[in-house]
Amino acid sequence: MKKRLTINKVIIVVIFAVFIFSLVRQGIALKRIKESLSVERQNLNQLKEENEKLQAEVESAQSDYEYIEKLARERLGLIKDGEQVIESLEP
């Protein structure tokens, strides 16, 4: 009879240990998912800000000739007839 009680206790302890182990693993997985979600939300916010800037740039470019000229000069290196490009050499 004592052997049977001991075996039952061992089985209960093993089941309890497996249950606790499972809870710990799920807790760790949940923490990782929350961290990943936080990082992705930050990335999303950065992309939204960048998108807003680009939208403003597009709207400005559609209506402002001087802005288009400025972009052409800065980004594409374009110059007008008779102009010379002067480049500065920085150490």
C-alpha atoms as a PDB file:
ATOM      1  CA  MET A   1       0.000   0.000   0.000  1.00  0.00           C
ATOM      2  CA  LYS A   2       2.859   2.404   0.814  1.00  0.00           C
ATOM      3  CA  LYS A   3       4.480   1.599  -2.516  1.00  0.00           C
ATOM      4  CA  ARG A   4       1.318   2.532  -4.336  1.00  0.00           C
ATOM      5  CA  LEU A   5       1.117   5.874  -2.476  1.00  0.00           C
ATOM      6  CA  THR A   6       4.758   6.581  -3.280  1.00  0.00           C
ATOM      7  CA  ILE A   7       4.229   5.815  -6.970  1.00  0.00           C
ATOM      8  CA  ASN A   8       1.154   8.045  -7.022  1.00  0.00           C
ATOM      9  CA  LYS A   9       3.113  10.869  -5.388  1.00  0.00           C
ATOM     10  CA  VAL A  10       5.923  10.490  -7.912  1.00  0.00           C
ATOM     11  CA  ILE A  11       3.444  10.569 -10.790  1.00  0.00           C
ATOM     12  CA  ILE A  12       1.789  13.692  -9.379  1.00  0.00           C
ATOM     13  CA  VAL A  13       5.167  15.410  -8.900  1.00  0.00           C
ATOM     14  CA  VAL A  14       6.215  14.521 -12.468  1.00  0.00           C
ATOM     15  CA  ILE A  15       2.941  15.817 -13.906  1.00  0.00           C
ATOM     16  CA  PHE A  16       3.269  18.992 -11.841  1.00  0.00           C
ATOM     17  CA  ALA A  17       6.892  19.467 -12.999  1.00  0.00           C
ATOM     18  CA  VAL A  18       5.884  19.024 -16.645  1.00  0.00           C
ATOM     19  CA  PHE A  19       3.080  21.532 -16.148  1.00  0.00           C
ATOM     20  CA  ILE A  20       5.426  24.090 -14.556  1.00  0.00           C
ATOM     21  CA  PHE A  21       8.027  23.536 -17.295  1.00  0.00           C
ATOM     22  CA  SER A  22       5.358  24.094 -19.933  1.00  0.00           C
ATOM     23  CA  LEU A  23       4.219  27.321 -18.258  1.00  0.00           C
ATOM     24  CA  VAL A  24       7.780  28.632 -18.082  1.00  0.00           C
ATOM     25  CA  ARG A  25       8.380  27.873 -21.775  1.00  0.00           C
ATOM     26  CA  GLN A  26       5.142  29.612 -22.740  1.00  0.00           C
ATOM     27  CA  GLY A  27       6.073  32.612 -20.605  1.00  0.00           C
ATOM     28  CA  ILE A  28       9.452  32.886 -22.309  1.00  0.00           C
ATOM     29  CA  ALA A  29       7.849  32.559 -25.747  1.00  0.00           C
ATOM     30  CA  LEU A  30       5.280  35.226 -24.851  1.00  0.00           C
ATOM     31  CA  LYS A  31       8.020  37.598 -23.688  1.00  0.00           C
ATOM     32  CA  ARG A  32       9.914  37.133 -26.975  1.00  0.00           C
ATOM     33  CA  ILE A  33       6.757  37.747 -28.981  1.00  0.00           C
ATOM     34  CA  LYS A  34       6.019  40.930 -27.023  1.00  0.00           C
ATOM     35  CA  GLU A  35       9.582  42.183 -27.595  1.00  0.00           C
ATOM     36  CA  SER A  36       9.313  41.394 -31.294  1.00  0.00           C
ATOM     37  CA  LEU A  37       5.966  43.176 -31.470  1.00  0.00           C
ATOM     38  CA  SER A  38       7.465  46.241 -29.810  1.00  0.00           C
ATOM     39  CA  VAL A  39      10.334  46.334 -32.311  1.00  0.00           C
ATOM     40  CA  GLU A  40       7.956  45.929 -35.238  1.00  0.00           C
ATOM     41  CA  ARG A  41       5.733  48.729 -33.919  1.00  0.00           C
ATOM     42  CA  GLN A  42       8.760  51.016 -33.746  1.00  0.00           C
ATOM     43  CA  ASN A  43       9.678  50.062 -37.315  1.00  0.00           C
ATOM     44  CA  LEU A  44       6.107  50.742 -38.396  1.00  0.00           C
ATOM     45  CA  ASN A  45       6.162  54.183 -36.776  1.00  0.00           C
ATOM     46  CA  GLN A  46       9.450  55.024 -38.502  1.00  0.00           C
ATOM     47  CA  LEU A  47       8.053  53.897 -41.836  1.00  0.00           C
ATOM     48  CA  LYS A  48       4.912  55.962 -41.288  1.00  0.00           C
ATOM     49  CA  GLU A  49       7.019  59.055 -40.586  1.00  0.00           C
ATOM     50  CA  GLU A  50       9.134  58.410 -43.671  1.00  0.00           C
ATOM     51  CA  ASN A  51       5.991  57.887 -45.727  1.00  0.00           C
ATOM     52  CA  GLU A  52       4.551  61.199 -44.518  1.00  0.00           C
ATOM     53  CA  LYS A  53       7.770  63.003 -45.472  1.00  0.00           C
ATOM     54  CA  LEU A  54       7.751  61.407 -48.901  1.00  0.00           C
ATOM     55  CA  GLN A  55       4.081  62.275 -49.395  1.00  0.00           C
ATOM     56  CA  ALA A  56       4.834  65.903 -48.533  1.00  0.00           C
ATOM     57  CA  GLU A  57       7.771  65.841 -50.937  1.00  0.00           C
ATOM     58  CA  VAL A  58       5.576  64.447 -53.713  1.00  0.00           C
ATOM     59  CA  GLU A  59       2.894  67.069 -53.116  1.00  0.00           C
ATOM     60  CA  SER A  60       5.489  69.819 -53.087  1.00  0.00           C
ATOM     61  CA  ALA A  61       7.164  68.488 -56.223  1.00  0.00           C
ATOM     62  CA  GLN A  62       3.885  68.413 -58.098  1.00  0.00           C
ATOM     63  CA  SER A  63       3.226  72.092 -57.521  1.00  0.00           C
ATOM     64  CA  ASP A  64       6.580  73.819 -57.072  1.00  0.00           C
ATOM     65  CA  TYR A  65       8.971  74.243 -60.005  1.00  0.00           C
ATOM     66  CA  GLU A  66      11.748  75.653 -57.790  1.00  0.00           C
ATOM     67  CA  TYR A  67      11.544  72.619 -55.542  1.00  0.00           C
ATOM     68  CA  ILE A  68      11.861  70.309 -58.546  1.00  0.00           C
ATOM     69  CA  GLU A  69      14.893  72.271 -59.718  1.00  0.00           C
ATOM     70  CA  LYS A  70      16.449  72.049 -56.247  1.00  0.00           C
ATOM     71  CA  LEU A  71      15.982  68.273 -56.160  1.00  0.00           C
ATOM     72  CA  ALA A  72      17.457  67.928 -59.653  1.00  0.00           C
ATOM     73  CA  ARG A  73      20.529  69.890 -58.606  1.00  0.00           C
ATOM     74  CA  GLU A  74      21.049  68.170 -55.243  1.00  0.00           C
ATOM     75  CA  ARG A  75      20.183  64.581 -56.055  1.00  0.00           C
ATOM     76  CA  LEU A  76      20.991  64.284 -59.736  1.00  0.00           C
ATOM     77  CA  GLY A  77      23.809  66.811 -59.984  1.00  0.00           C
ATOM     78  CA  LEU A  78      22.152  68.660 -62.863  1.00  0.00           C
ATOM     79  CA  ILE A  79      23.281  72.170 -63.811  1.00  0.00           C
ATOM     80  CA  LYS A  80      21.953  74.923 -66.038  1.00  0.00           C
ATOM     81  CA  ASP A  81      23.655  75.954 -69.274  1.00  0.00           C
ATOM     82  CA  GLY A  82      26.661  78.144 -68.545  1.00  0.00           C
ATOM     83  CA  GLU A  83      26.981  77.076 -64.893  1.00  0.00           C
ATOM     84  CA  GLN A  84      30.044  75.404 -63.464  1.00  0.00           C
ATOM     85  CA  VAL A  85      30.090  72.885 -60.653  1.00  0.00           C
ATOM     86  CA  ILE A  86      32.445  73.649 -57.797  1.00  0.00           C
ATOM     87  CA  GLU A  87      33.139  70.742 -55.480  1.00  0.00           C
ATOM     88  CA  SER A  88      34.745  71.175 -52.115  1.00  0.00           C
ATOM     89  CA  LEU A  89      37.227  68.610 -50.915  1.00  0.00           C
ATOM     90  CA  GLU A  90      36.725  67.801 -47.277  1.00  0.00           C
ATOM     91  CA  PRO A  91      39.404  65.879 -45.371  1.00  0.00           C
END
